């Protein structure tokens, strides 16, 4: 028994069968698009309040009417009650702290005018869930948001600790907030790891479970894993691909290299090849024909 299981950091209970990899992910217009087209007084007042809020002022230029409508719809549906400040900012998305119906949540807002739009397409092309996706920026970003939701659901079903996905509307994703009253959870590269061997065994087990469920993170490193209440939590699954993606092996080898290099710097005798062999030990079984 490895230390990761011995210390209860990996749930040994039987996990659910992953969802259908071939399910269609709808990227057509949503209720938010319809709200944006048919503006009413309540929506306009909501939009003005958001624009005037300090944490959103700097981002007004990148939020279109339908993005505000998506936030409005999520508030109407009870997924978000109040917005807080930013948790992180990036080229593709900003993440905000918010209050949900009965808990704190994180609200991830993808920019429609994302700077690495072409890179997004590279991760989407070859994924059977997105065959026939058009070339419009809006369609790609909306598909990316739906993809992250689906990937989080698949990872959670496979027994990997990830932020619980809650809701999505257009280019906005609501998920579990990972952190406490002191702020967001620290990334693995930001903390002192008291027991690197345990952390490594948990990480490789997570990677193995993802692979068994037909999913590869694609950008796994110490910067996309956070430490929260004694657990490792894998984040940022937007770029994760299925094993059928033409570049899936390349992405998996890169993940193994990043993880092995990080834990080697922590003093462990681990190699990329050994980790890759462990991760790919089970045959992927995403419940497909």
Protein backbone atom coordinates (compact mmCIF):
# COMPACT_ATOMS: atom_id res chain seq x y z
CA UNK A 1 0.00 0.00 0.00
CA UNK A 2 1.42 3.41 -0.96
CA UNK A 3 1.64 6.29 1.44
CA UNK A 4 -0.97 8.22 -0.55
CA UNK A 5 -3.60 5.61 0.29
CA UNK A 6 -2.24 4.95 3.77
CA UNK A 7 -2.82 8.54 4.83
CA UNK A 8 -6.29 8.66 3.31
CA UNK A 9 -5.42 11.18 0.61
CA UNK A 10 -6.88 9.04 -2.17
CA UNK A 11 -10.46 7.80 -1.95
CA UNK A 12 -10.43 4.03 -2.33
CA UNK A 13 -14.19 3.70 -2.79
CA UNK A 14 -15.41 2.50 -6.15
CA UNK A 15 -15.86 5.45 -8.47
CA UNK A 16 -18.64 6.00 -10.94
CA UNK A 17 -18.35 4.97 -14.57
CA UNK A 18 -17.32 8.01 -16.65
CA UNK A 19 -19.92 9.62 -18.85
CA UNK A 20 -20.24 8.97 -22.56
CA UNK A 21 -17.22 10.41 -24.33
CA UNK A 22 -19.20 10.72 -27.53
CA UNK A 23 -21.98 12.79 -26.04
CA UNK A 24 -22.73 15.89 -28.03
CA UNK A 25 -21.74 19.15 -26.35
CA UNK A 26 -24.11 21.85 -27.49
CA UNK A 27 -22.46 25.19 -28.30
CA UNK A 28 -25.51 26.86 -29.82
CA UNK A 29 -26.96 30.11 -28.48
CA UNK A 30 -27.97 29.98 -24.84
CA UNK A 31 -30.50 31.85 -22.77
CA UNK A 32 -27.80 34.45 -22.11
CA UNK A 33 -27.59 35.25 -25.83
CA UNK A 34 -31.36 35.66 -25.94
CA UNK A 35 -31.31 37.91 -22.87
CA UNK A 36 -28.60 40.05 -24.46
CA UNK A 37 -30.62 40.43 -27.64
CA UNK A 38 -33.84 41.26 -25.79
CA UNK A 39 -32.69 43.71 -23.17
CA UNK A 40 -34.98 44.69 -20.33
CA UNK A 41 -34.69 47.20 -17.50
CA UNK A 42 -33.59 44.64 -14.90
CA UNK A 43 -30.79 43.30 -17.09
CA UNK A 44 -29.57 46.81 -17.94
CA UNK A 45 -29.52 47.74 -14.25
CA UNK A 46 -27.59 44.56 -13.43
CA UNK A 47 -25.08 45.30 -16.19
CA UNK A 48 -24.50 48.82 -14.87
CA UNK A 49 -23.95 47.53 -11.31
CA UNK A 50 -21.36 45.04 -12.53
CA UNK A 51 -19.61 47.64 -14.65
CA UNK A 52 -19.44 50.00 -11.68
CA UNK A 53 -18.06 47.36 -9.31
CA UNK A 54 -14.38 47.96 -8.55
CA UNK A 55 -13.29 44.39 -9.31
CA UNK A 56 -14.83 44.51 -12.79
CA UNK A 57 -13.94 48.02 -13.92
CA UNK A 58 -10.65 47.09 -15.55
CA UNK A 59 -12.35 44.29 -17.49
CA UNK A 60 -15.24 46.21 -19.02
CA UNK A 61 -13.59 46.28 -22.42
CA UNK A 62 -13.41 42.49 -22.69
CA UNK A 63 -16.94 41.60 -21.51
CA UNK A 64 -19.56 41.75 -24.24
CA UNK A 65 -23.29 42.12 -23.60
CA UNK A 66 -23.83 38.35 -23.72
CA UNK A 67 -21.16 37.83 -21.02
CA UNK A 68 -23.02 40.20 -18.72
CA UNK A 69 -26.21 38.37 -19.67
CA UNK A 70 -24.57 35.06 -18.74
CA UNK A 71 -23.74 36.43 -15.28
CA UNK A 72 -27.27 37.80 -15.00
CA UNK A 73 -28.77 34.41 -15.88
CA UNK A 74 -26.57 32.61 -13.33
CA UNK A 75 -27.72 35.09 -10.67
CA UNK A 76 -31.34 34.59 -11.70
CA UNK A 77 -30.93 30.81 -11.44
CA UNK A 78 -29.51 31.11 -7.92
CA UNK A 79 -25.99 29.88 -8.68
CA UNK A 80 -24.46 33.26 -7.74
CA UNK A 81 -25.74 35.72 -5.16
CA UNK A 82 -22.90 38.22 -4.80
CA UNK A 83 -19.54 38.83 -6.43
CA UNK A 84 -16.23 39.33 -4.67
CA UNK A 85 -12.79 40.19 -5.90
CA UNK A 86 -10.58 38.45 -8.47
CA UNK A 87 -8.81 35.22 -7.52
CA UNK A 88 -6.65 35.07 -10.62
CA UNK A 89 -6.25 36.77 -13.97
CA UNK A 90 -4.91 35.27 -17.16
CA UNK A 91 -4.74 35.66 -20.90
CA UNK A 92 -7.81 33.50 -21.49
CA UNK A 93 -9.90 33.97 -18.35
CA UNK A 94 -10.36 35.70 -15.03
CA UNK A 95 -11.56 33.86 -11.92
CA UNK A 96 -13.64 35.70 -9.31
CA UNK A 97 -14.62 34.85 -5.77
CA UNK A 98 -18.39 34.81 -5.30
CA UNK A 99 -21.15 33.70 -2.96
CA UNK A 100 -23.44 30.95 -4.19
CA UNK A 101 -26.74 29.82 -2.76
CA UNK A 102 -25.21 28.26 0.35
CA UNK A 103 -21.43 28.36 -0.14
CA UNK A 104 -18.54 30.23 -1.65
CA UNK A 105 -17.94 29.60 -5.34
CA UNK A 106 -15.43 30.52 -8.02
CA UNK A 107 -16.70 32.15 -11.21
CA UNK A 108 -14.44 31.68 -14.23
CA UNK A 109 -15.08 34.06 -17.11
CA UNK A 110 -13.42 33.27 -20.44
CA UNK A 111 -12.70 36.18 -22.71
CA UNK A 112 -14.36 35.93 -26.10
CA UNK A 113 -11.36 37.75 -27.56
CA UNK A 114 -8.89 35.28 -26.06
CA UNK A 115 -5.31 35.95 -27.16
CA UNK A 116 -4.44 32.28 -27.77
CA UNK A 117 -7.59 31.43 -29.70
CA UNK A 118 -5.61 29.28 -32.17
CA UNK A 119 -4.14 27.21 -29.33
CA UNK A 120 -7.66 26.59 -28.06
CA UNK A 121 -8.61 25.22 -31.46
CA UNK A 122 -5.61 22.85 -31.37
CA UNK A 123 -6.96 21.25 -28.19
CA UNK A 124 -10.53 21.08 -29.49
CA UNK A 125 -9.74 19.65 -32.93
CA UNK A 126 -9.56 15.89 -32.79
CA UNK A 127 -11.92 15.67 -29.81
CA UNK A 128 -14.97 13.67 -31.00
CA UNK A 129 -17.21 15.80 -28.77
CA UNK A 130 -16.55 18.84 -30.97
CA UNK A 131 -16.68 17.54 -34.52
CA UNK A 132 -17.94 20.17 -36.91
CA UNK A 133 -17.09 23.09 -34.63
CA UNK A 134 -17.03 26.34 -36.58
CA UNK A 135 -14.16 28.78 -36.74
CA UNK A 136 -15.76 31.73 -34.97
CA UNK A 137 -14.03 32.89 -31.82
CA UNK A 138 -17.31 32.89 -29.93
CA UNK A 139 -18.04 29.26 -30.84
CA UNK A 140 -14.53 28.14 -29.85
CA UNK A 141 -14.58 29.91 -26.46
CA UNK A 142 -18.08 28.65 -25.68
CA UNK A 143 -17.02 25.12 -26.61
CA UNK A 144 -13.94 25.48 -24.40
CA UNK A 145 -16.10 26.46 -21.43
CA UNK A 146 -18.42 23.49 -21.96
CA UNK A 147 -15.36 21.28 -22.38
CA UNK A 148 -13.95 22.31 -19.00
CA UNK A 149 -17.28 21.54 -17.34
CA UNK A 150 -17.41 18.09 -19.00
CA UNK A 151 -13.78 17.38 -18.08
CA UNK A 152 -14.35 18.32 -14.44
CA UNK A 153 -17.39 16.03 -14.30
CA UNK A 154 -15.42 13.17 -15.85
CA UNK A 155 -12.43 13.65 -13.51
CA UNK A 156 -14.70 13.81 -10.46
CA UNK A 157 -16.48 10.60 -11.54
CA UNK A 158 -13.07 8.94 -11.90
CA UNK A 159 -12.21 9.71 -8.28
CA UNK A 160 -9.86 12.62 -8.89
CA UNK A 161 -10.15 15.58 -6.51
CA UNK A 162 -11.06 18.58 -8.64
CA UNK A 163 -13.20 21.68 -8.04
CA UNK A 164 -16.80 20.51 -8.16
CA UNK A 165 -18.44 21.85 -11.34
CA UNK A 166 -21.71 23.63 -10.55
CA UNK A 167 -23.07 25.41 -13.63
CA UNK A 168 -22.11 26.97 -16.92
CA UNK A 169 -23.72 29.64 -19.03
CA UNK A 170 -22.12 30.68 -22.28
CA UNK A 171 -18.48 31.64 -21.48
CA UNK A 172 -18.94 31.59 -17.69
CA UNK A 173 -18.24 28.57 -15.46
CA UNK A 174 -19.29 28.35 -11.81
CA UNK A 175 -17.42 25.83 -9.67
CA UNK A 176 -16.42 25.04 -6.12
CA UNK A 177 -14.18 27.60 -4.44
CA UNK A 178 -10.96 25.98 -3.24
CA UNK A 179 -9.63 28.04 -0.36
CA UNK A 180 -10.52 29.51 3.02
CA UNK A 181 -10.97 32.85 4.76
CA UNK A 182 -7.30 33.62 4.12
CA UNK A 183 -7.71 33.35 0.36
CA UNK A 184 -7.36 30.84 -2.47
CA UNK A 185 -5.56 27.57 -1.90
CA UNK A 186 -1.84 27.69 -2.64
CA UNK A 187 -0.44 25.99 -5.70
CA UNK A 188 1.85 23.03 -5.15
CA UNK A 189 4.81 25.08 -6.30
CA UNK A 190 4.04 27.73 -3.68
CA UNK A 191 4.14 25.55 -0.56
CA UNK A 192 6.71 23.54 1.34
CA UNK A 193 5.93 19.85 0.86
CA UNK A 194 6.57 18.01 4.11
CA UNK A 195 6.20 14.55 2.58
CA UNK A 196 7.05 14.62 -1.14
CA UNK A 197 6.69 10.83 -1.46
CA UNK A 198 3.06 10.92 -0.35
CA UNK A 199 2.29 13.87 -2.63
CA UNK A 200 3.93 12.10 -5.58
CA UNK A 201 1.95 8.91 -5.01
CA UNK A 202 -1.29 10.90 -4.92
CA UNK A 203 -0.36 12.75 -8.10
CA UNK A 204 0.52 9.64 -10.06
CA UNK A 205 -2.68 7.94 -8.87
CA UNK A 206 -4.71 10.94 -10.07
CA UNK A 207 -2.99 10.78 -13.45
CA UNK A 208 -3.63 7.05 -13.68
CA UNK A 209 -7.32 7.51 -12.87
CA UNK A 210 -7.66 10.25 -15.48
CA UNK A 211 -6.00 8.05 -18.09
CA UNK A 212 -8.22 5.09 -17.12
CA UNK A 213 -11.23 7.34 -17.71
CA UNK A 214 -9.91 8.28 -21.15
CA UNK A 215 -8.74 11.77 -20.16
CA UNK A 216 -5.34 13.49 -20.20
CA UNK A 217 -4.83 16.80 -18.41
CA UNK A 218 -2.49 18.23 -21.03
CA UNK A 219 -0.97 20.99 -18.88
CA UNK A 220 -0.22 19.27 -15.58
CA UNK A 221 2.49 20.75 -13.38
CA UNK A 222 2.98 22.16 -9.90
CA UNK A 223 1.11 25.26 -11.09
CA UNK A 224 -2.15 23.41 -11.87
CA UNK A 225 -2.39 21.54 -8.57
CA UNK A 226 -3.33 23.22 -5.29
CA UNK A 227 -3.00 22.06 -1.69
CA UNK A 228 -6.22 22.37 0.31
CA UNK A 229 -6.91 20.97 3.78
CA UNK A 230 -4.43 18.15 3.40
CA UNK A 231 -5.54 17.23 -0.12
CA UNK A 232 -4.13 17.81 -3.57
CA UNK A 233 -6.69 19.31 -5.95
CA UNK A 234 -6.17 19.31 -9.73
CA UNK A 235 -7.36 22.52 -11.41
CA UNK A 236 -7.57 24.06 -14.87
CA UNK A 237 -8.94 21.17 -16.92
CA UNK A 238 -10.10 23.29 -19.84
CA UNK A 239 -7.38 21.99 -22.14
CA UNK A 240 -7.70 18.33 -21.05
CA UNK A 241 -8.23 16.01 -24.03
CA UNK A 242 -9.53 12.49 -24.53
CA UNK A 243 -7.17 9.64 -25.38
CA UNK A 244 -8.50 9.83 -28.96
CA UNK A 245 -6.98 13.26 -29.54
CA UNK A 246 -4.18 13.02 -32.15
CA UNK A 247 -1.72 14.71 -29.75
CA UNK A 248 -2.85 12.90 -26.59
CA UNK A 249 0.36 10.88 -26.22
CA UNK A 250 2.52 13.97 -26.61
CA UNK A 251 0.43 15.79 -23.98
CA UNK A 252 0.63 12.83 -21.58
CA UNK A 253 4.40 12.54 -21.95
CA UNK A 254 4.73 16.27 -21.25
CA UNK A 255 2.56 15.91 -18.13
CA UNK A 256 4.73 13.03 -16.91
CA UNK A 257 7.89 15.01 -17.60
CA UNK A 258 6.62 18.07 -15.69
CA UNK A 259 5.48 16.04 -12.69
CA UNK A 260 8.61 13.86 -12.56
CA UNK A 261 10.89 16.89 -12.84
CA UNK A 262 9.07 18.69 -10.03
CA UNK A 263 9.29 15.79 -7.61
CA UNK A 264 12.89 15.12 -8.60
CA UNK A 265 13.62 18.65 -7.40
CA UNK A 266 11.94 17.65 -4.13
CA UNK A 267 14.57 14.95 -3.68
CA UNK A 268 12.71 11.88 -5.00
CA UNK A 269 14.27 9.34 -7.33
CA UNK A 270 11.57 9.38 -10.01
CA UNK A 271 11.73 9.45 -13.79
CA UNK A 272 9.39 10.42 -16.58
CA UNK A 273 9.56 6.89 -18.03
CA UNK A 274 8.60 5.22 -14.74
CA UNK A 275 5.70 7.60 -14.23
CA UNK A 276 4.47 7.12 -17.79
CA UNK A 277 4.55 3.34 -17.35
CA UNK A 278 2.54 3.56 -14.12
CA UNK A 279 -0.05 5.98 -15.56
CA UNK A 280 -0.64 3.91 -18.71
CA UNK A 281 -0.73 0.58 -16.84
CA UNK A 282 -4.51 0.19 -17.07
CA UNK A 283 -6.11 0.14 -20.51
CA UNK A 284 -8.25 3.28 -20.96
CA UNK A 285 -11.90 2.35 -20.43
CA UNK A 286 -14.03 5.40 -21.00
CA UNK A 287 -17.07 3.11 -21.44
CA UNK A 288 -16.98 3.33 -25.21
CA UNK A 289 -17.91 1.01 -28.00
